N, C-alpha and C. Protein backbone atom coordinates (compact mmCIF):
# COMPACT_ATOMS: atom_id res chain seq x y z
N MET A 1 21.42 51.15 8.00
CA MET A 1 20.92 52.37 8.52
C MET A 1 20.52 52.11 10.03
N THR A 2 20.41 53.29 10.72
CA THR A 2 19.89 53.23 12.12
C THR A 2 18.81 54.24 12.26
N TRP A 3 17.75 53.81 13.10
CA TRP A 3 16.64 54.67 13.18
C TRP A 3 15.81 54.37 14.47
N ASN A 4 15.58 55.42 15.24
CA ASN A 4 14.66 55.36 16.36
C ASN A 4 13.17 55.58 15.86
N VAL A 5 12.26 54.52 16.03
CA VAL A 5 11.01 54.66 15.50
C VAL A 5 9.94 54.93 16.52
N ARG A 6 10.35 55.26 17.77
CA ARG A 6 9.43 55.73 18.75
C ARG A 6 8.29 54.80 18.99
N SER A 7 8.55 53.51 19.07
CA SER A 7 7.61 52.32 19.34
C SER A 7 6.54 52.37 18.35
N LEU A 8 6.73 52.98 17.11
CA LEU A 8 5.71 53.08 16.10
C LEU A 8 4.45 53.78 16.55
N ARG A 9 4.59 54.73 17.46
CA ARG A 9 3.41 55.45 18.10
C ARG A 9 2.92 56.56 17.13
N ASP A 10 3.75 56.93 16.17
CA ASP A 10 3.32 58.13 15.37
C ASP A 10 2.60 57.63 14.07
N ASP A 11 3.33 56.88 13.27
CA ASP A 11 2.78 56.45 11.96
C ASP A 11 3.50 55.17 11.60
N PRO A 12 3.08 54.02 11.96
CA PRO A 12 3.71 52.76 11.70
C PRO A 12 3.74 52.48 10.24
N ARG A 13 2.68 52.83 9.52
CA ARG A 13 2.79 52.60 8.12
C ARG A 13 3.73 53.47 7.34
N GLY A 14 3.88 54.71 7.91
CA GLY A 14 4.83 55.60 7.31
C GLY A 14 6.20 55.20 7.48
N VAL A 15 6.50 54.66 8.71
CA VAL A 15 7.86 54.05 9.01
C VAL A 15 8.17 52.83 8.02
N ALA A 16 7.21 52.05 7.83
CA ALA A 16 7.33 50.91 6.95
C ALA A 16 7.54 51.35 5.52
N ALA A 17 6.82 52.39 5.03
CA ALA A 17 6.89 52.85 3.69
C ALA A 17 8.24 53.50 3.49
N ALA A 18 8.78 54.17 4.51
CA ALA A 18 10.10 54.83 4.34
C ALA A 18 11.12 53.72 4.31
N LEU A 19 11.02 52.65 5.01
CA LEU A 19 12.02 51.57 4.89
C LEU A 19 11.92 50.83 3.64
N ARG A 20 10.78 50.63 3.11
CA ARG A 20 10.59 50.04 1.84
C ARG A 20 11.24 50.86 0.74
N GLU A 21 11.02 52.11 0.78
CA GLU A 21 11.58 53.05 -0.25
C GLU A 21 13.13 53.09 -0.17
N LEU A 22 13.67 53.08 1.05
CA LEU A 22 15.15 53.20 1.15
C LEU A 22 15.79 51.82 0.90
N ALA A 23 15.14 50.69 1.06
CA ALA A 23 15.49 49.37 0.77
C ALA A 23 16.97 49.06 1.30
N PRO A 24 17.14 49.21 2.63
CA PRO A 24 18.46 48.84 3.22
C PRO A 24 18.60 47.39 3.35
N ASP A 25 19.88 46.90 3.33
CA ASP A 25 20.21 45.58 3.69
C ASP A 25 20.13 45.25 5.18
N LEU A 26 20.56 46.23 5.95
CA LEU A 26 20.60 46.15 7.40
C LEU A 26 20.04 47.34 8.06
N VAL A 27 19.17 47.07 9.10
CA VAL A 27 18.52 48.24 9.84
C VAL A 27 18.75 48.02 11.30
N CYS A 28 19.28 48.96 12.01
CA CYS A 28 19.37 48.98 13.43
C CYS A 28 18.18 49.89 13.98
N VAL A 29 17.22 49.20 14.69
CA VAL A 29 16.03 49.93 15.08
C VAL A 29 16.11 50.15 16.56
N GLN A 30 15.88 51.32 17.04
CA GLN A 30 15.75 51.67 18.43
C GLN A 30 14.27 51.97 18.76
N GLU A 31 13.79 51.65 19.91
CA GLU A 31 12.38 51.85 20.34
C GLU A 31 11.47 51.12 19.40
N ALA A 32 11.87 49.87 19.08
CA ALA A 32 10.93 48.95 18.49
C ALA A 32 9.81 48.60 19.41
N PRO A 33 8.65 48.24 18.98
CA PRO A 33 7.62 47.79 19.94
C PRO A 33 8.12 46.82 20.95
N ARG A 34 7.81 47.05 22.21
CA ARG A 34 8.33 46.12 23.33
C ARG A 34 7.29 45.85 24.33
N LEU A 35 6.03 46.33 24.19
CA LEU A 35 5.06 46.16 25.26
C LEU A 35 3.97 45.32 24.66
N TRP A 36 2.73 45.68 24.67
CA TRP A 36 1.57 44.87 24.26
C TRP A 36 1.78 44.41 22.80
N ARG A 37 1.70 43.12 22.62
CA ARG A 37 1.72 42.45 21.32
C ARG A 37 2.86 42.91 20.56
N TRP A 38 4.08 42.96 21.25
CA TRP A 38 5.30 43.51 20.55
C TRP A 38 5.75 42.56 19.36
N ARG A 39 5.57 41.29 19.63
CA ARG A 39 6.02 40.35 18.51
C ARG A 39 5.27 40.62 17.24
N SER A 40 3.85 40.61 17.31
CA SER A 40 3.13 40.80 16.13
C SER A 40 3.39 42.22 15.45
N ALA A 41 3.62 43.28 16.32
CA ALA A 41 3.90 44.52 15.82
C ALA A 41 5.26 44.55 15.05
N ARG A 42 6.24 43.87 15.55
CA ARG A 42 7.49 43.76 14.81
C ARG A 42 7.41 42.99 13.57
N ARG A 43 6.67 41.87 13.67
CA ARG A 43 6.50 41.08 12.39
C ARG A 43 5.75 41.89 11.32
N ARG A 44 4.79 42.64 11.75
CA ARG A 44 4.03 43.46 10.84
C ARG A 44 4.91 44.50 10.22
N LEU A 45 5.74 45.20 10.99
CA LEU A 45 6.65 46.17 10.47
C LEU A 45 7.61 45.61 9.41
N ALA A 46 8.14 44.47 9.76
CA ALA A 46 9.06 43.80 8.83
C ALA A 46 8.39 43.42 7.52
N ARG A 47 7.19 42.86 7.61
CA ARG A 47 6.42 42.45 6.43
C ARG A 47 6.15 43.66 5.54
N ARG A 48 5.54 44.79 6.16
CA ARG A 48 5.23 45.96 5.41
C ARG A 48 6.47 46.60 4.79
N ALA A 49 7.67 46.46 5.34
CA ALA A 49 8.81 47.12 4.90
C ALA A 49 9.59 46.23 3.88
N GLY A 50 9.17 44.99 3.71
CA GLY A 50 9.78 44.04 2.83
C GLY A 50 11.18 43.59 3.40
N LEU A 51 11.24 43.50 4.68
CA LEU A 51 12.45 43.07 5.45
C LEU A 51 12.16 41.83 6.24
N ARG A 52 13.13 41.24 6.94
CA ARG A 52 13.05 40.14 7.82
C ARG A 52 13.58 40.46 9.13
N LEU A 53 13.01 39.85 10.21
CA LEU A 53 13.58 39.97 11.57
C LEU A 53 14.86 39.21 11.63
N LEU A 54 15.91 39.93 12.02
CA LEU A 54 17.17 39.20 12.22
C LEU A 54 17.42 38.87 13.72
N THR A 55 16.71 39.54 14.65
CA THR A 55 16.71 39.22 16.01
C THR A 55 15.31 39.15 16.56
N ARG A 56 15.01 38.34 17.56
CA ARG A 56 13.62 38.10 18.00
C ARG A 56 13.52 38.28 19.52
N ASP A 57 14.46 38.80 20.19
CA ASP A 57 14.48 39.07 21.61
C ASP A 57 13.81 40.48 21.81
N ARG A 58 13.05 40.62 22.76
CA ARG A 58 12.48 42.00 23.04
C ARG A 58 13.55 42.99 23.28
N ALA A 59 14.60 42.65 24.02
CA ALA A 59 15.83 43.40 24.11
C ALA A 59 15.67 44.86 24.37
N CYS A 60 14.64 45.22 25.28
CA CYS A 60 14.48 46.65 25.63
C CYS A 60 14.29 47.59 24.42
N GLY A 61 13.59 47.07 23.46
CA GLY A 61 13.31 47.88 22.19
C GLY A 61 14.34 48.01 21.17
N THR A 62 15.35 47.17 21.22
CA THR A 62 16.34 47.19 20.14
C THR A 62 16.04 46.05 19.13
N LEU A 63 16.36 46.18 17.95
CA LEU A 63 15.87 45.26 16.86
C LEU A 63 16.83 45.35 15.71
N LEU A 64 17.09 44.23 15.03
CA LEU A 64 17.76 44.27 13.70
C LEU A 64 16.87 43.74 12.70
N LEU A 65 16.83 44.42 11.64
CA LEU A 65 16.08 43.97 10.36
C LEU A 65 17.10 43.81 9.18
N GLY A 66 16.66 42.94 8.27
CA GLY A 66 17.61 42.73 7.13
C GLY A 66 16.76 42.41 5.92
N SER A 67 17.46 42.57 4.74
CA SER A 67 16.82 42.25 3.55
C SER A 67 16.94 40.83 3.22
N SER A 68 16.39 40.35 2.05
CA SER A 68 16.59 38.92 1.63
C SER A 68 17.96 38.48 1.27
N ARG A 69 18.84 39.57 1.08
CA ARG A 69 20.25 39.35 0.78
C ARG A 69 21.09 38.87 1.99
N VAL A 70 20.48 39.09 3.19
CA VAL A 70 21.27 38.88 4.45
C VAL A 70 20.97 37.44 4.99
N ARG A 71 22.08 36.75 5.26
CA ARG A 71 22.01 35.48 5.87
C ARG A 71 22.59 35.67 7.32
N VAL A 72 21.81 35.09 8.38
CA VAL A 72 22.20 35.20 9.74
C VAL A 72 23.00 33.84 10.18
N HIS A 73 24.16 34.09 10.70
CA HIS A 73 24.89 32.97 11.18
C HIS A 73 24.81 32.88 12.79
N GLY A 74 24.11 33.82 13.44
CA GLY A 74 23.97 33.76 14.86
C GLY A 74 23.58 35.09 15.39
N ALA A 75 22.87 35.16 16.46
CA ALA A 75 22.45 36.36 17.05
C ALA A 75 22.49 36.33 18.60
N GLY A 76 22.50 37.48 19.34
CA GLY A 76 22.44 37.44 20.74
C GLY A 76 22.11 38.78 21.23
N THR A 77 21.92 38.85 22.58
CA THR A 77 21.52 40.03 23.30
C THR A 77 22.51 40.35 24.41
N VAL A 78 22.87 41.60 24.60
CA VAL A 78 23.57 42.15 25.71
C VAL A 78 22.62 42.78 26.68
N ARG A 79 22.40 42.16 27.79
CA ARG A 79 21.52 42.78 28.81
C ARG A 79 22.32 43.59 29.73
N LEU A 80 21.93 44.92 29.84
CA LEU A 80 22.65 45.80 30.78
C LEU A 80 22.03 45.85 32.08
N PRO A 81 22.70 46.22 33.17
CA PRO A 81 22.21 46.31 34.51
C PRO A 81 20.87 47.08 34.63
N ARG A 82 20.08 46.67 35.55
CA ARG A 82 18.90 47.54 35.98
C ARG A 82 19.51 48.67 36.85
N ARG A 83 18.91 49.90 36.57
CA ARG A 83 19.42 51.05 37.35
C ARG A 83 18.20 51.76 37.88
N PRO A 84 18.11 52.01 39.15
CA PRO A 84 16.93 52.60 39.73
C PRO A 84 16.51 53.91 39.09
N GLY A 85 15.31 54.08 38.70
CA GLY A 85 14.83 55.36 38.06
C GLY A 85 15.15 55.47 36.61
N LEU A 86 15.79 54.46 36.02
CA LEU A 86 16.11 54.53 34.60
C LEU A 86 15.48 53.33 33.83
N HIS A 87 15.23 53.58 32.54
CA HIS A 87 14.75 52.42 31.72
C HIS A 87 15.91 51.44 31.63
N ARG A 88 15.43 50.16 31.55
CA ARG A 88 16.32 49.08 31.34
C ARG A 88 16.84 49.17 29.85
N ARG A 89 18.18 48.97 29.67
CA ARG A 89 18.77 49.01 28.45
C ARG A 89 19.43 47.69 27.95
N ALA A 90 19.61 47.53 26.62
CA ALA A 90 20.15 46.31 26.06
C ALA A 90 20.78 46.68 24.74
N ALA A 91 21.42 45.63 24.22
CA ALA A 91 21.90 45.75 22.81
C ALA A 91 21.64 44.37 22.12
N VAL A 92 21.37 44.37 20.85
CA VAL A 92 21.27 43.18 20.14
C VAL A 92 22.32 43.09 19.04
N HIS A 93 22.72 41.92 18.64
CA HIS A 93 23.83 41.81 17.68
C HIS A 93 23.61 40.53 16.85
N ALA A 94 24.08 40.49 15.67
CA ALA A 94 24.01 39.29 14.83
C ALA A 94 25.21 39.20 13.97
N ARG A 95 25.73 37.97 13.71
CA ARG A 95 26.75 37.82 12.74
C ARG A 95 26.09 37.44 11.50
N VAL A 96 26.25 38.25 10.42
CA VAL A 96 25.50 38.16 9.18
C VAL A 96 26.47 38.03 8.01
N GLU A 97 25.92 37.49 6.96
CA GLU A 97 26.66 37.37 5.73
C GLU A 97 25.89 38.12 4.62
N VAL A 98 26.67 39.04 4.00
CA VAL A 98 26.09 39.78 2.88
C VAL A 98 27.00 39.80 1.76
N ALA A 99 26.45 39.39 0.63
CA ALA A 99 27.36 39.31 -0.65
C ALA A 99 28.63 38.43 -0.42
N GLY A 100 28.48 37.47 0.33
CA GLY A 100 29.52 36.51 0.54
C GLY A 100 30.52 36.85 1.56
N HIS A 101 30.35 37.95 2.33
CA HIS A 101 31.20 38.37 3.35
C HIS A 101 30.48 38.47 4.72
N VAL A 102 31.29 38.31 5.81
CA VAL A 102 30.64 38.25 7.10
C VAL A 102 31.03 39.38 7.99
N LEU A 103 30.05 39.98 8.73
CA LEU A 103 30.33 41.09 9.60
C LEU A 103 29.42 40.90 10.82
N VAL A 104 29.69 41.63 11.82
CA VAL A 104 28.83 41.77 12.99
C VAL A 104 28.09 43.07 13.00
N VAL A 105 26.77 43.02 13.04
CA VAL A 105 25.91 44.19 13.12
C VAL A 105 25.29 44.26 14.47
N ALA A 106 25.25 45.45 15.10
CA ALA A 106 24.69 45.60 16.45
C ALA A 106 23.95 46.86 16.56
N CYS A 107 22.96 46.82 17.55
CA CYS A 107 22.13 47.99 17.78
C CYS A 107 21.91 48.17 19.29
N THR A 108 21.93 49.51 19.70
CA THR A 108 21.73 49.73 21.11
C THR A 108 21.14 51.13 21.19
N HIS A 109 20.61 51.34 22.52
CA HIS A 109 20.02 52.61 22.82
C HIS A 109 20.47 52.97 24.18
N LEU A 110 21.27 54.01 24.36
CA LEU A 110 21.96 54.28 25.66
C LEU A 110 21.07 55.21 26.53
N ASP A 111 21.55 55.31 27.76
CA ASP A 111 20.86 55.86 28.84
C ASP A 111 20.66 57.41 28.82
N LEU A 112 19.78 57.95 29.46
CA LEU A 112 19.62 59.44 29.61
C LEU A 112 20.63 59.98 30.73
N ASP A 113 20.92 59.24 31.63
CA ASP A 113 21.88 59.67 32.68
C ASP A 113 23.34 59.50 32.15
N PRO A 114 24.12 60.49 32.27
CA PRO A 114 25.46 60.52 31.66
C PRO A 114 26.42 59.38 32.21
N GLN A 115 26.44 59.14 33.55
CA GLN A 115 27.28 58.11 34.08
C GLN A 115 26.81 56.74 33.61
N ALA A 116 25.44 56.53 33.71
CA ALA A 116 24.97 55.20 33.21
C ALA A 116 25.19 55.04 31.68
N ARG A 117 25.09 56.09 30.95
CA ARG A 117 25.38 56.10 29.51
C ARG A 117 26.74 55.61 29.21
N LEU A 118 27.75 56.15 29.91
CA LEU A 118 29.12 55.80 29.75
C LEU A 118 29.34 54.39 30.07
N ASP A 119 28.80 53.89 31.24
CA ASP A 119 28.97 52.53 31.61
C ASP A 119 28.33 51.55 30.64
N SER A 120 27.19 51.96 30.17
CA SER A 120 26.48 51.08 29.13
C SER A 120 27.36 51.01 27.92
N ALA A 121 27.80 52.13 27.39
CA ALA A 121 28.63 52.06 26.20
C ALA A 121 29.80 51.06 26.32
N ARG A 122 30.46 51.21 27.40
CA ARG A 122 31.68 50.36 27.71
C ARG A 122 31.30 48.86 27.76
N ARG A 123 30.12 48.62 28.43
CA ARG A 123 29.69 47.25 28.55
C ARG A 123 29.22 46.64 27.19
N VAL A 124 28.59 47.43 26.45
CA VAL A 124 28.18 47.01 25.05
C VAL A 124 29.38 46.63 24.30
N ARG A 125 30.34 47.53 24.09
CA ARG A 125 31.53 47.26 23.27
C ARG A 125 32.32 46.10 23.75
N ALA A 126 32.37 45.92 25.08
CA ALA A 126 33.16 44.79 25.62
C ALA A 126 32.46 43.47 25.35
N ALA A 127 31.19 43.45 25.17
CA ALA A 127 30.42 42.19 25.05
C ALA A 127 30.03 41.80 23.69
N LEU A 128 30.41 42.67 22.64
CA LEU A 128 30.05 42.26 21.31
C LEU A 128 31.04 41.31 20.65
N PRO A 129 30.56 40.40 19.87
CA PRO A 129 31.45 39.41 19.22
C PRO A 129 32.54 40.09 18.42
N ALA A 130 33.68 39.37 18.24
CA ALA A 130 34.73 39.79 17.38
C ALA A 130 34.31 39.82 15.99
N GLY A 131 34.94 40.61 15.19
CA GLY A 131 34.68 40.75 13.73
C GLY A 131 34.52 42.12 13.27
N PRO A 132 34.50 42.33 11.99
CA PRO A 132 34.19 43.72 11.54
C PRO A 132 32.86 44.10 11.91
N LEU A 133 32.70 45.33 12.53
CA LEU A 133 31.53 45.73 13.17
C LEU A 133 30.87 46.91 12.57
N VAL A 134 29.53 46.89 12.40
CA VAL A 134 28.72 48.07 12.16
C VAL A 134 27.76 48.18 13.29
N LEU A 135 27.74 49.31 13.91
CA LEU A 135 27.00 49.54 15.17
C LEU A 135 26.08 50.78 15.00
N GLY A 136 24.71 50.54 15.11
CA GLY A 136 23.80 51.68 15.20
C GLY A 136 23.34 51.93 16.54
N ALA A 137 23.17 53.19 16.92
CA ALA A 137 22.79 53.54 18.26
C ALA A 137 22.10 54.88 18.30
N ASP A 138 21.07 54.98 19.19
CA ASP A 138 20.63 56.24 19.71
C ASP A 138 21.42 56.43 20.95
N VAL A 139 22.41 57.30 20.89
CA VAL A 139 23.41 57.54 21.98
C VAL A 139 22.84 58.36 23.07
N ASN A 140 21.82 59.17 22.79
CA ASN A 140 21.25 60.18 23.74
C ASN A 140 22.27 61.14 24.19
N ASP A 141 23.25 61.33 23.37
CA ASP A 141 24.22 62.42 23.56
C ASP A 141 24.96 62.65 22.24
N GLU A 142 25.79 63.70 22.18
CA GLU A 142 26.32 64.10 20.92
C GLU A 142 27.85 63.70 20.82
N PRO A 143 28.38 63.79 19.60
CA PRO A 143 29.80 63.34 19.37
C PRO A 143 30.74 64.19 20.31
N GLY A 144 31.74 63.45 20.78
CA GLY A 144 32.67 64.07 21.67
C GLY A 144 32.41 63.87 23.16
N SER A 145 31.13 63.46 23.53
CA SER A 145 30.79 63.19 24.85
C SER A 145 31.41 61.88 25.31
N PRO A 146 31.62 61.64 26.62
CA PRO A 146 32.23 60.38 26.95
C PRO A 146 31.53 59.17 26.58
N GLY A 147 30.18 59.11 26.61
CA GLY A 147 29.45 58.00 26.20
C GLY A 147 29.62 57.75 24.69
N TRP A 148 29.44 58.72 23.91
CA TRP A 148 29.71 58.63 22.45
C TRP A 148 31.10 58.13 22.17
N SER A 149 32.07 58.62 22.83
CA SER A 149 33.43 58.29 22.53
C SER A 149 33.73 56.85 22.97
N ALA A 150 33.14 56.36 23.95
CA ALA A 150 33.31 55.01 24.42
C ALA A 150 32.72 54.02 23.44
N LEU A 151 31.52 54.38 23.01
CA LEU A 151 30.84 53.54 22.01
C LEU A 151 31.53 53.47 20.69
N ALA A 152 32.14 54.64 20.30
CA ALA A 152 32.71 54.70 18.98
C ALA A 152 34.16 54.41 18.84
N ALA A 153 34.80 54.07 19.95
CA ALA A 153 36.23 53.83 19.97
C ALA A 153 36.66 52.87 18.86
N GLY A 154 37.57 53.30 18.06
CA GLY A 154 38.12 52.46 16.96
C GLY A 154 37.27 52.33 15.77
N LEU A 155 36.13 52.98 15.70
CA LEU A 155 35.17 52.91 14.64
C LEU A 155 35.14 54.22 13.86
N VAL A 156 34.63 54.22 12.64
CA VAL A 156 34.44 55.45 11.81
C VAL A 156 33.03 55.87 12.00
N ASP A 157 32.88 57.13 12.28
CA ASP A 157 31.56 57.84 12.41
C ASP A 157 31.02 58.17 11.08
N ALA A 158 30.19 57.36 10.58
CA ALA A 158 29.59 57.55 9.22
C ALA A 158 28.67 58.73 9.11
N GLY A 159 28.22 59.25 10.26
CA GLY A 159 27.32 60.45 10.20
C GLY A 159 28.04 61.72 10.46
N GLU A 160 29.35 61.70 10.55
CA GLU A 160 30.08 62.99 10.92
C GLU A 160 29.84 64.00 9.85
N GLY A 161 29.49 65.24 10.40
CA GLY A 161 29.25 66.37 9.44
C GLY A 161 27.90 66.41 8.71
N LEU A 162 27.05 65.44 9.01
CA LEU A 162 25.79 65.35 8.22
C LEU A 162 24.63 66.23 8.90
N GLY A 163 24.88 66.66 10.03
CA GLY A 163 23.77 67.58 10.69
C GLY A 163 23.03 66.76 11.68
N PRO A 164 22.00 67.45 12.34
CA PRO A 164 21.30 66.92 13.45
C PRO A 164 20.34 65.74 13.01
N THR A 165 20.06 64.87 13.98
CA THR A 165 19.14 63.75 13.76
C THR A 165 17.90 63.93 14.69
N PHE A 166 18.00 64.77 15.59
CA PHE A 166 16.73 64.83 16.53
C PHE A 166 16.56 66.32 16.90
N SER A 167 15.38 66.77 16.91
CA SER A 167 14.18 65.98 16.54
C SER A 167 13.80 66.35 15.14
N VAL A 168 12.86 65.49 14.66
CA VAL A 168 12.21 65.85 13.35
C VAL A 168 11.58 67.15 13.28
N ALA A 169 10.85 67.54 14.36
CA ALA A 169 10.16 68.75 14.39
C ALA A 169 11.03 69.96 14.59
N ALA A 170 12.13 69.79 15.36
CA ALA A 170 13.07 70.92 15.63
C ALA A 170 14.50 70.35 15.62
N PRO A 171 15.10 69.98 14.54
CA PRO A 171 16.37 69.29 14.57
C PRO A 171 17.53 70.20 15.00
N ARG A 172 18.10 69.79 16.16
CA ARG A 172 19.16 70.56 16.73
C ARG A 172 20.35 69.71 17.15
N ARG A 173 20.15 68.43 17.41
CA ARG A 173 21.19 67.52 18.00
C ARG A 173 21.42 66.28 17.21
N ARG A 174 22.76 65.98 17.04
CA ARG A 174 23.02 64.67 16.43
C ARG A 174 23.35 63.62 17.52
N ILE A 175 22.29 62.88 17.86
CA ILE A 175 22.38 61.87 18.97
C ILE A 175 22.28 60.45 18.41
N ASP A 176 22.11 60.29 17.12
CA ASP A 176 22.04 59.03 16.47
C ASP A 176 23.35 58.63 15.71
N ALA A 177 23.82 57.49 16.01
CA ALA A 177 25.15 57.12 15.45
C ALA A 177 25.08 55.94 14.60
N LEU A 178 25.92 55.99 13.53
CA LEU A 178 26.17 54.78 12.65
C LEU A 178 27.67 54.63 12.63
N LEU A 179 28.15 53.63 13.33
CA LEU A 179 29.60 53.48 13.54
C LEU A 179 30.07 52.29 12.75
N VAL A 180 31.18 52.46 12.05
CA VAL A 180 31.53 51.43 11.01
C VAL A 180 33.05 51.04 11.28
N ASP A 181 33.30 49.74 11.20
CA ASP A 181 34.70 49.26 11.27
C ASP A 181 35.57 49.97 10.18
N PRO A 182 36.71 50.31 10.51
CA PRO A 182 37.60 51.06 9.48
C PRO A 182 37.94 50.11 8.28
N VAL A 183 37.83 48.81 8.39
CA VAL A 183 38.11 47.95 7.29
C VAL A 183 37.05 48.10 6.12
N LEU A 184 35.92 48.59 6.46
CA LEU A 184 34.85 48.76 5.54
C LEU A 184 34.96 50.19 4.92
N LEU A 185 34.65 50.26 3.53
CA LEU A 185 34.60 51.53 2.84
C LEU A 185 33.14 52.19 2.95
N VAL A 186 33.17 53.43 3.34
CA VAL A 186 31.91 54.25 3.35
C VAL A 186 31.83 55.01 2.02
N LEU A 187 30.94 54.44 1.19
CA LEU A 187 30.79 55.07 -0.20
C LEU A 187 29.97 56.26 -0.22
N ALA A 188 28.94 56.27 0.55
CA ALA A 188 28.01 57.40 0.61
C ALA A 188 27.25 57.32 1.91
N ARG A 189 26.81 58.53 2.43
CA ARG A 189 26.11 58.66 3.66
C ARG A 189 25.14 59.77 3.73
N ARG A 190 24.15 59.67 4.41
CA ARG A 190 23.13 60.63 4.45
C ARG A 190 22.22 60.63 5.71
N VAL A 191 21.68 61.79 6.17
CA VAL A 191 20.54 61.67 7.17
C VAL A 191 19.27 61.91 6.38
N VAL A 192 18.29 60.96 6.64
CA VAL A 192 17.07 60.93 5.95
C VAL A 192 15.93 61.38 6.94
N ASP A 193 15.24 62.43 6.56
CA ASP A 193 14.07 62.89 7.26
C ASP A 193 12.81 62.33 6.49
N ALA A 194 12.21 61.33 7.03
CA ALA A 194 10.98 60.71 6.43
C ALA A 194 9.72 61.39 6.86
N GLY A 195 9.83 62.54 7.52
CA GLY A 195 8.64 63.26 7.97
C GLY A 195 8.23 62.83 9.43
N PRO A 196 7.04 63.33 9.77
CA PRO A 196 6.67 63.07 11.19
C PRO A 196 6.14 61.64 11.50
N VAL A 197 6.75 60.65 10.82
CA VAL A 197 6.42 59.23 11.12
C VAL A 197 7.05 58.75 12.40
N THR A 198 8.06 59.45 12.89
CA THR A 198 8.73 59.17 14.14
C THR A 198 9.41 60.52 14.56
N ASP A 199 10.07 60.62 15.66
CA ASP A 199 10.67 61.88 16.09
C ASP A 199 12.17 61.95 15.80
N HIS A 200 12.79 60.86 15.15
CA HIS A 200 14.16 60.90 14.80
C HIS A 200 14.36 60.88 13.27
N ARG A 201 15.45 61.46 12.87
CA ARG A 201 15.88 61.22 11.45
C ARG A 201 16.77 59.89 11.41
N ALA A 202 16.74 59.32 10.31
CA ALA A 202 17.56 58.04 10.11
C ALA A 202 18.88 58.41 9.57
N VAL A 203 19.95 57.59 9.92
CA VAL A 203 21.30 57.80 9.43
C VAL A 203 21.53 56.57 8.57
N CYS A 204 21.91 56.81 7.33
CA CYS A 204 22.13 55.73 6.25
C CYS A 204 23.51 55.85 5.68
N ALA A 205 24.04 54.68 5.42
CA ALA A 205 25.32 54.64 4.71
C ALA A 205 25.40 53.46 3.76
N ASP A 206 26.11 53.73 2.60
CA ASP A 206 26.31 52.70 1.62
C ASP A 206 27.80 52.19 1.87
N LEU A 207 27.95 50.93 2.29
CA LEU A 207 29.17 50.35 2.68
C LEU A 207 29.64 49.33 1.60
N ALA A 208 30.96 49.13 1.57
CA ALA A 208 31.52 48.18 0.74
C ALA A 208 32.75 47.53 1.34
N TRP A 209 33.05 46.28 0.94
CA TRP A 209 34.33 45.72 1.36
C TRP A 209 35.44 46.19 0.42
N PRO A 210 36.55 46.33 0.98
CA PRO A 210 37.72 46.69 0.02
C PRO A 210 38.04 45.60 -0.83
N PRO A 211 38.66 45.76 -1.98
CA PRO A 211 39.15 44.65 -2.70
C PRO A 211 40.30 44.05 -2.11
N GLY A 212 40.52 42.77 -2.30
CA GLY A 212 41.74 42.07 -1.78
C GLY A 212 41.37 41.21 -0.49
N PRO A 213 42.38 40.66 0.15
CA PRO A 213 42.21 39.71 1.18
C PRO A 213 41.61 40.27 2.52
N GLU A 214 41.46 41.64 2.67
CA GLU A 214 40.94 42.11 3.89
C GLU A 214 39.44 41.71 4.11
N ALA A 215 38.81 41.46 3.11
CA ALA A 215 37.27 41.17 3.17
C ALA A 215 37.15 39.72 3.67
N PRO A 216 36.66 39.46 4.84
CA PRO A 216 36.46 38.14 5.31
C PRO A 216 35.48 37.35 4.54
N ALA A 217 35.80 36.13 4.14
CA ALA A 217 34.86 35.29 3.35
C ALA A 217 33.93 34.63 4.29
N ALA A 218 32.75 34.17 3.73
CA ALA A 218 31.76 33.52 4.64
C ALA A 218 32.36 32.11 4.98
N PRO A 219 31.94 31.60 6.13
CA PRO A 219 32.44 30.41 6.63
C PRO A 219 31.85 29.25 5.76
């Protein structure tokens, strides 16, 4: 799943409770705590949600969480350029093993400025490790825009047709993306409104490996 939690400013216990109820294996978090005592805030969120931190870099508010079923084989951060007048952006990624198969999961939060957003999308995709990819993002724009298209190139839009993700109070725009390598099967997908615990709806998908040799085995 992918979810912007607005730095846990609204209802941190509500965010954790929703995660615990949904029980995802992998969570791409945008606007994770990144300022005062950000490490302890992230650890507390993971503990309350019954999840583990898969990445530990502040990474401009991007974070990966995982269940006890997930084994991490490596993680990293893509640091994007500083741009005057705009928030610094980044992406985190991890090579993980789930149910005996390995994939790359990544999370990013793109810029408000359209040109910066497009450049960031291209830089993120170019910097991610090779392998079957699941990418969660707050794109800050809608499907069909240049930034969204650059980020989603070659991937399946698991949220297509599911309706708006922002905002919870007045849902009008689908700006949150869960993008999946076409080698993976999307068995089910949904947008989840957990209430006013944050200002975004979460995008969730149940994924599976296809039968046969296409599913990469763990090293």
